[in-house]
Amino acid sequence: MRKKNPIPRSERGYSHHSVTTRSFTVTFPVEELGYLEVLAKELGMPRSQALLTTWQCRRFADAEERRLLSEARQDLARVGANLNQIAHALNRGAPVRLEAIQAAAEAVATTVRLLKKRI
């Protein structure tokens, strides 16, 4: 009996055309097809790939993880803006408080620690 390859086809390093494929039809109730459309859009992939990914038991971020990631992105964007302001001040030769740089660095470190704990 042939063993199943644990590496998903999309990650095996050869083109789709070198893999033997078969087509089949899947019928969905209209409201469930809407869920598939949303999933495919969120994942940024065609419906067929979204189905395949789901069937391969891939783990998707749950609502709480998506919320945390969104908050982390916003936090990092704010820190990036602060660092940009600090860089502009330094380029102008303006005095910059060391505390401002340390606060920005600590904000990044805190965000990364929170993400590492959760994800």
C-alpha atoms as a PDB file:
ATOM      1  CA  MET A   1       0.000   0.000   0.000  1.00  0.00           C
ATOM      2  CA  ARG A   2       1.337   3.404  -0.971  1.00  0.00           C
ATOM      3  CA  LYS A   3       1.951   5.914   1.842  1.00  0.00           C
ATOM      4  CA  LYS A   4       0.277   9.307   1.672  1.00  0.00           C
ATOM      5  CA  ASN A   5       2.749  12.147   1.174  1.00  0.00           C
ATOM      6  CA  PRO A   6       2.482  14.412   4.266  1.00  0.00           C
ATOM      7  CA  ILE A   7       3.557  17.469   2.258  1.00  0.00           C
ATOM      8  CA  PRO A   8       0.617  19.210   0.567  1.00  0.00           C
ATOM      9  CA  ARG A   9       0.744  19.157  -3.236  1.00  0.00           C
ATOM     10  CA  SER A  10       0.933  22.936  -3.333  1.00  0.00           C
ATOM     11  CA  GLU A  11       4.209  22.794  -1.377  1.00  0.00           C
ATOM     12  CA  ARG A  12       5.936  19.842  -3.076  1.00  0.00           C
ATOM     13  CA  GLY A  13       7.912  21.944  -5.532  1.00  0.00           C
ATOM     14  CA  TYR A  14       6.519  20.813  -8.853  1.00  0.00           C
ATOM     15  CA  SER A  15       3.971  22.335 -11.123  1.00  0.00           C
ATOM     16  CA  HIS A  16       0.283  21.541 -11.108  1.00  0.00           C
ATOM     17  CA  HIS A  17       0.677  20.088 -14.589  1.00  0.00           C
ATOM     18  CA  SER A  18       3.076  17.374 -13.409  1.00  0.00           C
ATOM     19  CA  VAL A  19       0.469  16.025 -10.965  1.00  0.00           C
ATOM     20  CA  THR A  20      -2.281  13.698 -12.109  1.00  0.00           C
ATOM     21  CA  THR A  21      -5.598  15.356 -11.345  1.00  0.00           C
ATOM     22  CA  ARG A  22      -9.230  14.436 -11.661  1.00  0.00           C
ATOM     23  CA  SER A  23     -12.192  16.772 -11.703  1.00  0.00           C
ATOM     24  CA  PHE A  24     -15.413  16.284  -9.829  1.00  0.00           C
ATOM     25  CA  THR A  25     -18.457  18.368  -9.085  1.00  0.00           C
ATOM     26  CA  VAL A  26     -19.482  19.482  -5.622  1.00  0.00           C
ATOM     27  CA  THR A  27     -23.007  20.751  -5.076  1.00  0.00           C
ATOM     28  CA  PHE A  28     -23.690  23.245  -2.301  1.00  0.00           C
ATOM     29  CA  PRO A  29     -26.862  24.842  -1.014  1.00  0.00           C
ATOM     30  CA  VAL A  30     -26.791  28.505  -2.054  1.00  0.00           C
ATOM     31  CA  GLU A  31     -26.174  29.822   1.479  1.00  0.00           C
ATOM     32  CA  GLU A  32     -23.238  27.427   2.012  1.00  0.00           C
ATOM     33  CA  LEU A  33     -21.701  28.380  -1.319  1.00  0.00           C
ATOM     34  CA  GLY A  34     -21.650  31.910   0.063  1.00  0.00           C
ATOM     35  CA  TYR A  35     -19.552  30.655   2.992  1.00  0.00           C
ATOM     36  CA  LEU A  36     -17.129  29.056   0.544  1.00  0.00           C
ATOM     37  CA  GLU A  37     -16.890  32.297  -1.433  1.00  0.00           C
ATOM     38  CA  VAL A  38     -16.085  34.235   1.752  1.00  0.00           C
ATOM     39  CA  LEU A  39     -13.524  31.632   2.839  1.00  0.00           C
ATOM     40  CA  ALA A  40     -11.812  31.667  -0.553  1.00  0.00           C
ATOM     41  CA  LYS A  41     -11.701  35.463  -0.546  1.00  0.00           C
ATOM     42  CA  GLU A  42     -10.308  35.587   3.023  1.00  0.00           C
ATOM     43  CA  LEU A  43      -7.643  33.027   2.127  1.00  0.00           C
ATOM     44  CA  GLY A  44      -6.872  34.746  -1.172  1.00  0.00           C
ATOM     45  CA  MET A  45      -7.240  31.593  -3.227  1.00  0.00           C
ATOM     46  CA  PRO A  46      -9.690  30.013  -5.661  1.00  0.00           C
ATOM     47  CA  ARG A  47     -12.649  28.064  -4.269  1.00  0.00           C
ATOM     48  CA  SER A  48     -11.134  24.721  -5.262  1.00  0.00           C
ATOM     49  CA  GLN A  49      -7.910  25.475  -3.392  1.00  0.00           C
ATOM     50  CA  ALA A  50      -9.861  26.710  -0.361  1.00  0.00           C
ATOM     51  CA  LEU A  51     -11.778  23.415  -0.295  1.00  0.00           C
ATOM     52  CA  LEU A  52      -8.606  21.381  -0.693  1.00  0.00           C
ATOM     53  CA  THR A  53      -6.879  23.342   2.048  1.00  0.00           C
ATOM     54  CA  THR A  54      -9.839  22.831   4.363  1.00  0.00           C
ATOM     55  CA  TRP A  55     -10.003  19.137   3.596  1.00  0.00           C
ATOM     56  CA  GLN A  56      -6.310  18.772   4.352  1.00  0.00           C
ATOM     57  CA  CYS A  57      -7.170  19.872   7.898  1.00  0.00           C
ATOM     58  CA  ARG A  58      -5.145  23.013   7.794  1.00  0.00           C
ATOM     59  CA  ARG A  59      -5.467  25.121  10.901  1.00  0.00           C
ATOM     60  CA  PHE A  60      -6.974  28.548  10.321  1.00  0.00           C
ATOM     61  CA  ALA A  61      -6.753  31.455  12.713  1.00  0.00           C
ATOM     62  CA  ASP A  62      -9.865  31.618  14.847  1.00  0.00           C
ATOM     63  CA  ALA A  63     -11.756  34.852  15.498  1.00  0.00           C
ATOM     64  CA  GLU A  64      -9.691  35.628  18.606  1.00  0.00           C
ATOM     65  CA  GLU A  65      -6.402  35.116  16.747  1.00  0.00           C
ATOM     66  CA  ARG A  66      -7.582  37.300  13.869  1.00  0.00           C
ATOM     67  CA  ARG A  67      -8.528  39.994  16.397  1.00  0.00           C
ATOM     68  CA  LEU A  68      -5.114  39.733  18.078  1.00  0.00           C
ATOM     69  CA  LEU A  69      -3.335  39.891  14.734  1.00  0.00           C
ATOM     70  CA  SER A  70      -5.365  42.930  13.739  1.00  0.00           C
ATOM     71  CA  GLU A  71      -4.540  44.674  17.012  1.00  0.00           C
ATOM     72  CA  ALA A  72      -0.872  43.739  16.663  1.00  0.00           C
ATOM     73  CA  ARG A  73      -0.802  45.153  13.126  1.00  0.00           C
ATOM     74  CA  GLN A  74      -2.301  48.403  14.399  1.00  0.00           C
ATOM     75  CA  ASP A  75       0.143  48.535  17.327  1.00  0.00           C
ATOM     76  CA  LEU A  76       3.098  47.907  15.044  1.00  0.00           C
ATOM     77  CA  ALA A  77       1.847  50.559  12.609  1.00  0.00           C
ATOM     78  CA  ARG A  78       1.725  53.096  15.453  1.00  0.00           C
ATOM     79  CA  VAL A  79       5.218  52.131  16.580  1.00  0.00           C
ATOM     80  CA  GLY A  80       6.427  52.390  12.993  1.00  0.00           C
ATOM     81  CA  ALA A  81       4.994  55.905  12.779  1.00  0.00           C
ATOM     82  CA  ASN A  82       6.748  56.818  16.048  1.00  0.00           C
ATOM     83  CA  LEU A  83      10.053  55.425  14.797  1.00  0.00           C
ATOM     84  CA  ASN A  84       9.611  57.343  11.549  1.00  0.00           C
ATOM     85  CA  GLN A  85       9.114  60.568  13.496  1.00  0.00           C
ATOM     86  CA  ILE A  86      12.224  59.806  15.556  1.00  0.00           C
ATOM     87  CA  ALA A  87      14.251  59.158  12.382  1.00  0.00           C
ATOM     88  CA  HIS A  88      13.069  62.439  10.827  1.00  0.00           C
ATOM     89  CA  ALA A  89      14.026  64.310  14.007  1.00  0.00           C
ATOM     90  CA  LEU A  90      17.463  62.708  14.031  1.00  0.00           C
ATOM     91  CA  ASN A  91      17.966  63.542  10.339  1.00  0.00           C
ATOM     92  CA  ARG A  92      17.120  67.181  11.070  1.00  0.00           C
ATOM     93  CA  GLY A  93      19.641  67.170  13.911  1.00  0.00           C
ATOM     94  CA  ALA A  94      16.900  67.715  16.477  1.00  0.00           C
ATOM     95  CA  PRO A  95      17.400  66.301  19.957  1.00  0.00           C
ATOM     96  CA  VAL A  96      15.594  63.024  20.582  1.00  0.00           C
ATOM     97  CA  ARG A  97      14.902  61.619  24.018  1.00  0.00           C
ATOM     98  CA  LEU A  98      16.351  58.172  24.534  1.00  0.00           C
ATOM     99  CA  GLU A  99      13.128  57.281  26.361  1.00  0.00           C
ATOM    100  CA  ALA A 100      11.177  57.699  23.116  1.00  0.00           C
ATOM    101  CA  ILE A 101      13.393  55.190  21.325  1.00  0.00           C
ATOM    102  CA  GLN A 102      13.264  52.776  24.260  1.00  0.00           C
ATOM    103  CA  ALA A 103       9.470  53.058  24.470  1.00  0.00           C
ATOM    104  CA  ALA A 104       9.105  52.253  20.770  1.00  0.00           C
ATOM    105  CA  ALA A 105      11.470  49.276  21.047  1.00  0.00           C
ATOM    106  CA  GLU A 106       9.616  47.986  24.117  1.00  0.00           C
ATOM    107  CA  ALA A 107       6.256  48.317  22.331  1.00  0.00           C
ATOM    108  CA  VAL A 108       7.563  46.146  19.487  1.00  0.00           C
ATOM    109  CA  ALA A 109       8.989  43.584  21.928  1.00  0.00           C
ATOM    110  CA  THR A 110       5.719  43.445  23.888  1.00  0.00           C
ATOM    111  CA  THR A 111       3.648  42.928  20.751  1.00  0.00           C
ATOM    112  CA  VAL A 112       5.954  40.164  19.538  1.00  0.00           C
ATOM    113  CA  ARG A 113       5.841  38.428  22.942  1.00  0.00           C
ATOM    114  CA  LEU A 114       2.037  38.500  22.952  1.00  0.00           C
ATOM    115  CA  LEU A 115       1.901  37.042  19.448  1.00  0.00           C
ATOM    116  CA  LYS A 116       4.385  34.299  20.312  1.00  0.00           C
ATOM    117  CA  LYS A 117       2.288  33.289  23.332  1.00  0.00           C
ATOM    118  CA  ARG A 118      -0.930  33.101  21.371  1.00  0.00           C
ATOM    119  CA  ILE A 119       0.141  31.769  17.994  1.00  0.00           C
END
